[in-house]
Amino acid sequence: MNGPRTYTEWLLLLDRFRSGDDSTIPLMESGYVEWTNVVAERWTRQVADALSARLLVLSKQLQNGLDRARGDYFAISSALVATRRGLIPLRTFAALPCFPEMVRSHLVSELDRWVTETQRSLEGSAIGVRHDQGWLLKTIRDDPLSLVRDDHSSTPTSQAQEGPPSVRRHRVVI
């Protein structure tokens, strides 16, 4: 199938992308945008809204993952890694070569702003936690949202090598 050429074709794909369908990205990559005054503002708003909707869903997923973790550092790390993986298709979308340069730069900067603010907020909340000797902050800093990989093989790293003092990862022989 050819990529979208008309405003209507773009809207159909953007609606699918907004609802979480990443299979639309390859179609959009081969698309074309006829940049006229009539289309430019409406199309750009639709593209920005699709990215915002996906970021809102990602925020909710991160919050749910952190809520379910209940202080388990490995689960917190897993929630951060899942969020980082969720950013991969959004990065691809924001940098689509068929987008005009100013749209691409705006979308990438919005995505970077979300990542920076979310990371800063997580670290700020973790700094206030004093009863864990800094393990929550360490976990969040070990798995930053800004580290976006193109592979899906990344694993939570904050607990892979060591755990909090109360957790033993191997048998101790005396």
C-alpha atoms as a PDB file:
ATOM      1  CA  MET A   1       0.000   0.000   0.000  1.00  0.00           C
ATOM      2  CA  ASN A   2       1.172   3.483  -0.814  1.00  0.00           C
ATOM      3  CA  GLY A   3       1.640   6.068   1.889  1.00  0.00           C
ATOM      4  CA  PRO A   4      -0.927   8.768   2.540  1.00  0.00           C
ATOM      5  CA  ARG A   5      -1.125  11.641   0.064  1.00  0.00           C
ATOM      6  CA  THR A   6      -4.323  13.464   0.926  1.00  0.00           C
ATOM      7  CA  TYR A   7      -5.437  15.060   4.168  1.00  0.00           C
ATOM      8  CA  THR A   8      -8.158  12.417   4.562  1.00  0.00           C
ATOM      9  CA  GLU A   9      -5.701   9.554   4.127  1.00  0.00           C
ATOM     10  CA  TRP A  10      -3.437  11.141   6.730  1.00  0.00           C
ATOM     11  CA  LEU A  11      -6.338  11.542   9.166  1.00  0.00           C
ATOM     12  CA  LEU A  12      -7.204   7.847   8.923  1.00  0.00           C
ATOM     13  CA  LEU A  13      -3.620   6.809   9.679  1.00  0.00           C
ATOM     14  CA  LEU A  14      -3.200   9.424  12.413  1.00  0.00           C
ATOM     15  CA  ASP A  15      -6.363   8.195  14.129  1.00  0.00           C
ATOM     16  CA  ARG A  16      -5.025   4.644  14.066  1.00  0.00           C
ATOM     17  CA  PHE A  17      -1.649   5.803  15.386  1.00  0.00           C
ATOM     18  CA  ARG A  18      -3.355   7.865  18.103  1.00  0.00           C
ATOM     19  CA  SER A  19      -5.171   4.722  19.254  1.00  0.00           C
ATOM     20  CA  GLY A  20      -1.871   2.830  19.588  1.00  0.00           C
ATOM     21  CA  ASP A  21      -1.423   1.202  16.185  1.00  0.00           C
ATOM     22  CA  ASP A  22       2.314   1.363  15.430  1.00  0.00           C
ATOM     23  CA  SER A  23       1.859  -0.510  12.148  1.00  0.00           C
ATOM     24  CA  THR A  24       0.878   2.835  10.608  1.00  0.00           C
ATOM     25  CA  ILE A  25       4.426   4.190  10.897  1.00  0.00           C
ATOM     26  CA  PRO A  26       5.838   2.381   7.816  1.00  0.00           C
ATOM     27  CA  LEU A  27       2.847   3.611   5.811  1.00  0.00           C
ATOM     28  CA  MET A  28       3.417   7.172   6.981  1.00  0.00           C
ATOM     29  CA  GLU A  29       7.134   6.930   6.176  1.00  0.00           C
ATOM     30  CA  SER A  30       6.289   6.563   2.522  1.00  0.00           C
ATOM     31  CA  GLY A  31       3.669   9.300   2.660  1.00  0.00           C
ATOM     32  CA  TYR A  32       3.681  12.777   1.254  1.00  0.00           C
ATOM     33  CA  VAL A  33       2.324  16.030   2.603  1.00  0.00           C
ATOM     34  CA  GLU A  34       1.176  18.644   0.130  1.00  0.00           C
ATOM     35  CA  TRP A  35       2.115  21.739   2.071  1.00  0.00           C
ATOM     36  CA  THR A  36      -0.515  24.374   1.352  1.00  0.00           C
ATOM     37  CA  ASN A  37      -1.844  27.077   3.647  1.00  0.00           C
ATOM     38  CA  VAL A  38      -5.176  25.314   3.996  1.00  0.00           C
ATOM     39  CA  VAL A  39      -3.692  21.932   4.923  1.00  0.00           C
ATOM     40  CA  ALA A  40      -0.669  23.052   6.920  1.00  0.00           C
ATOM     41  CA  GLU A  41      -2.343  24.253  10.109  1.00  0.00           C
ATOM     42  CA  ARG A  42      -5.004  21.534  10.342  1.00  0.00           C
ATOM     43  CA  TRP A  43      -2.611  18.720   9.422  1.00  0.00           C
ATOM     44  CA  THR A  44       0.070  19.927  11.855  1.00  0.00           C
ATOM     45  CA  ARG A  45      -2.499  20.131  14.655  1.00  0.00           C
ATOM     46  CA  GLN A  46      -3.641  16.569  13.936  1.00  0.00           C
ATOM     47  CA  VAL A  47      -0.058  15.266  13.967  1.00  0.00           C
ATOM     48  CA  ALA A  48       0.749  17.075  17.225  1.00  0.00           C
ATOM     49  CA  ASP A  49      -2.494  15.835  18.810  1.00  0.00           C
ATOM     50  CA  ALA A  50      -1.672  12.244  17.850  1.00  0.00           C
ATOM     51  CA  LEU A  51       1.728  12.499  19.550  1.00  0.00           C
ATOM     52  CA  SER A  52       0.187  14.142  22.631  1.00  0.00           C
ATOM     53  CA  ALA A  53      -2.425  11.404  22.905  1.00  0.00           C
ATOM     54  CA  ARG A  54       0.258   8.703  22.768  1.00  0.00           C
ATOM     55  CA  LEU A  55       2.332  10.506  25.409  1.00  0.00           C
ATOM     56  CA  LEU A  56      -0.715  10.710  27.670  1.00  0.00           C
ATOM     57  CA  VAL A  57      -1.262   6.949  27.349  1.00  0.00           C
ATOM     58  CA  LEU A  58       2.433   6.333  28.022  1.00  0.00           C
ATOM     59  CA  SER A  59       2.253   8.538  31.127  1.00  0.00           C
ATOM     60  CA  LYS A  60      -0.694   6.564  32.444  1.00  0.00           C
ATOM     61  CA  GLN A  61       1.072   3.258  31.765  1.00  0.00           C
ATOM     62  CA  LEU A  62       4.164   4.472  33.607  1.00  0.00           C
ATOM     63  CA  GLN A  63       2.105   5.638  36.567  1.00  0.00           C
ATOM     64  CA  ASN A  64       0.230   2.313  36.691  1.00  0.00           C
ATOM     65  CA  GLY A  65       3.522   0.408  36.554  1.00  0.00           C
ATOM     66  CA  LEU A  66       4.977   2.472  39.367  1.00  0.00           C
ATOM     67  CA  ASP A  67       1.812   2.110  41.442  1.00  0.00           C
ATOM     68  CA  ARG A  68       1.857  -1.678  40.988  1.00  0.00           C
ATOM     69  CA  ALA A  69       5.560  -1.854  41.881  1.00  0.00           C
ATOM     70  CA  ARG A  70       4.863  -0.886  45.507  1.00  0.00           C
ATOM     71  CA  GLY A  71       8.502  -0.301  46.312  1.00  0.00           C
ATOM     72  CA  ASP A  72       9.878  -3.310  44.435  1.00  0.00           C
ATOM     73  CA  TYR A  73      12.954  -1.860  42.706  1.00  0.00           C
ATOM     74  CA  PHE A  74      12.975  -4.477  39.971  1.00  0.00           C
ATOM     75  CA  ALA A  75       9.320  -3.721  39.140  1.00  0.00           C
ATOM     76  CA  ILE A  76      10.088   0.017  39.129  1.00  0.00           C
ATOM     77  CA  SER A  77      12.976  -0.618  36.766  1.00  0.00           C
ATOM     78  CA  SER A  78      10.712  -2.730  34.554  1.00  0.00           C
ATOM     79  CA  ALA A  79       8.130   0.077  34.397  1.00  0.00           C
ATOM     80  CA  LEU A  80      10.843   2.526  33.343  1.00  0.00           C
ATOM     81  CA  VAL A  81      12.164   0.163  30.681  1.00  0.00           C
ATOM     82  CA  ALA A  82       8.629  -0.438  29.360  1.00  0.00           C
ATOM     83  CA  THR A  83       8.136   3.312  29.103  1.00  0.00           C
ATOM     84  CA  ARG A  84      11.446   3.695  27.327  1.00  0.00           C
ATOM     85  CA  ARG A  85      10.393   1.001  24.853  1.00  0.00           C
ATOM     86  CA  GLY A  86       7.097   2.822  24.357  1.00  0.00           C
ATOM     87  CA  LEU A  87       9.037   5.897  23.317  1.00  0.00           C
ATOM     88  CA  ILE A  88      10.695   4.124  20.373  1.00  0.00           C
ATOM     89  CA  PRO A  89       7.714   4.291  17.978  1.00  0.00           C
ATOM     90  CA  LEU A  90       7.021   7.851  19.114  1.00  0.00           C
ATOM     91  CA  ARG A  91      10.599   8.854  18.243  1.00  0.00           C
ATOM     92  CA  THR A  92      10.218   7.224  14.846  1.00  0.00           C
ATOM     93  CA  PHE A  93       6.916   9.026  14.299  1.00  0.00           C
ATOM     94  CA  ALA A  94       8.309  12.412  15.343  1.00  0.00           C
ATOM     95  CA  ALA A  95      11.233  12.089  12.929  1.00  0.00           C
ATOM     96  CA  LEU A  96       9.332  10.856   9.867  1.00  0.00           C
ATOM     97  CA  PRO A  97      11.221  12.079   6.807  1.00  0.00           C
ATOM     98  CA  CYS A  98       8.010  13.050   5.016  1.00  0.00           C
ATOM     99  CA  PHE A  99       7.245  15.671   7.680  1.00  0.00           C
ATOM    100  CA  PRO A 100       8.432  19.194   6.943  1.00  0.00           C
ATOM    101  CA  GLU A 101      11.579  20.070   8.923  1.00  0.00           C
ATOM    102  CA  MET A 102       9.823  22.557  11.208  1.00  0.00           C
ATOM    103  CA  VAL A 103       7.170  19.963  12.116  1.00  0.00           C
ATOM    104  CA  ARG A 104       9.843  17.332  12.769  1.00  0.00           C
ATOM    105  CA  SER A 105      11.851  19.647  14.987  1.00  0.00           C
ATOM    106  CA  HIS A 106       8.729  20.674  16.911  1.00  0.00           C
ATOM    107  CA  LEU A 107       7.646  17.061  17.496  1.00  0.00           C
ATOM    108  CA  VAL A 108      11.133  15.952  18.527  1.00  0.00           C
ATOM    109  CA  SER A 109      11.437  18.894  20.924  1.00  0.00           C
ATOM    110  CA  GLU A 110       8.014  18.106  22.443  1.00  0.00           C
ATOM    111  CA  LEU A 111       9.037  14.485  22.907  1.00  0.00           C
ATOM    112  CA  ASP A 112      12.370  15.492  24.455  1.00  0.00           C
ATOM    113  CA  ARG A 113      10.585  17.963  26.745  1.00  0.00           C
ATOM    114  CA  TRP A 114       8.203  15.225  27.955  1.00  0.00           C
ATOM    115  CA  VAL A 115      11.096  12.835  28.610  1.00  0.00           C
ATOM    116  CA  THR A 116      13.115  15.486  30.466  1.00  0.00           C
ATOM    117  CA  GLU A 117      10.199  16.672  32.593  1.00  0.00           C
ATOM    118  CA  THR A 118       9.073  13.139  33.428  1.00  0.00           C
ATOM    119  CA  GLN A 119      12.610  12.077  34.398  1.00  0.00           C
ATOM    120  CA  ARG A 120      13.043  15.226  36.498  1.00  0.00           C
ATOM    121  CA  SER A 121       9.713  14.617  38.226  1.00  0.00           C
ATOM    122  CA  LEU A 122      10.558  10.975  38.991  1.00  0.00           C
ATOM    123  CA  GLU A 123      13.961  11.918  40.394  1.00  0.00           C
ATOM    124  CA  GLY A 124      12.455  14.779  42.414  1.00  0.00           C
ATOM    125  CA  SER A 125       9.947  12.422  44.001  1.00  0.00           C
ATOM    126  CA  ALA A 126      12.644   9.847  44.715  1.00  0.00           C
ATOM    127  CA  ILE A 127      14.870  12.408  46.425  1.00  0.00           C
ATOM    128  CA  GLY A 128      12.127  12.887  49.008  1.00  0.00           C
ATOM    129  CA  VAL A 129      12.162   9.196  49.923  1.00  0.00           C
ATOM    130  CA  ARG A 130      14.589   8.874  52.809  1.00  0.00           C
ATOM    131  CA  HIS A 131      13.808   5.453  54.249  1.00  0.00           C
ATOM    132  CA  ASP A 132      15.446   3.433  51.457  1.00  0.00           C
ATOM    133  CA  GLN A 133      19.011   4.841  51.558  1.00  0.00           C
ATOM    134  CA  GLY A 134      18.632   6.207  48.004  1.00  0.00           C
ATOM    135  CA  TRP A 135      17.742   2.949  46.232  1.00  0.00           C
ATOM    136  CA  LEU A 136      14.672   4.410  44.518  1.00  0.00           C
ATOM    137  CA  LEU A 137      16.672   7.351  43.184  1.00  0.00           C
ATOM    138  CA  LYS A 138      19.435   4.990  42.060  1.00  0.00           C
ATOM    139  CA  THR A 139      16.908   2.789  40.257  1.00  0.00           C
ATOM    140  CA  ILE A 140      15.410   5.774  38.443  1.00  0.00           C
ATOM    141  CA  ARG A 141      18.812   7.135  37.485  1.00  0.00           C
ATOM    142  CA  ASP A 142      20.059   3.713  36.356  1.00  0.00           C
ATOM    143  CA  ASP A 143      17.134   3.380  33.935  1.00  0.00           C
ATOM    144  CA  PRO A 144      16.614   6.897  32.560  1.00  0.00           C
ATOM    145  CA  LEU A 145      13.806   7.543  30.117  1.00  0.00           C
ATOM    146  CA  SER A 146      16.204   9.450  27.884  1.00  0.00           C
ATOM    147  CA  LEU A 147      18.069   6.281  26.978  1.00  0.00           C
ATOM    148  CA  VAL A 148      16.084   5.146  23.953  1.00  0.00           C
ATOM    149  CA  ARG A 149      17.292   2.008  22.228  1.00  0.00           C
ATOM    150  CA  ASP A 150      16.086   0.650  18.933  1.00  0.00           C
ATOM    151  CA  ASP A 151      16.279  -2.946  20.113  1.00  0.00           C
ATOM    152  CA  HIS A 152      13.709  -4.656  22.264  1.00  0.00           C
ATOM    153  CA  SER A 153      16.262  -6.687  24.159  1.00  0.00           C
ATOM    154  CA  SER A 154      17.049  -4.162  26.865  1.00  0.00           C
ATOM    155  CA  THR A 155      16.503  -5.434  30.354  1.00  0.00           C
ATOM    156  CA  PRO A 156      16.117  -3.683  33.660  1.00  0.00           C
ATOM    157  CA  THR A 157      19.634  -2.989  34.821  1.00  0.00           C
ATOM    158  CA  SER A 158      19.290  -1.485  38.245  1.00  0.00           C
ATOM    159  CA  GLN A 159      18.683  -4.831  39.904  1.00  0.00           C
ATOM    160  CA  ALA A 160      20.592  -7.090  37.541  1.00  0.00           C
ATOM    161  CA  GLN A 161      23.952  -6.616  39.234  1.00  0.00           C
ATOM    162  CA  GLU A 162      22.968  -5.828  42.774  1.00  0.00           C
ATOM    163  CA  GLY A 163      19.928  -5.404  44.947  1.00  0.00           C
ATOM    164  CA  PRO A 164      19.089  -3.501  48.074  1.00  0.00           C
ATOM    165  CA  PRO A 165      20.854  -4.778  51.189  1.00  0.00           C
ATOM    166  CA  SER A 166      17.813  -6.800  52.276  1.00  0.00           C
ATOM    167  CA  VAL A 167      17.717  -8.822  49.031  1.00  0.00           C
ATOM    168  CA  ARG A 168      20.272 -11.565  48.350  1.00  0.00           C
ATOM    169  CA  ARG A 169      20.879 -12.579  44.752  1.00  0.00           C
ATOM    170  CA  HIS A 170      23.037 -15.619  45.496  1.00  0.00           C
ATOM    171  CA  ARG A 171      23.674 -18.205  48.172  1.00  0.00           C
ATOM    172  CA  VAL A 172      26.096 -17.193  50.915  1.00  0.00           C
ATOM    173  CA  VAL A 173      28.391 -19.947  52.179  1.00  0.00           C
ATOM    174  CA  ILE A 174      29.843 -19.423  55.634  1.00  0.00           C
END
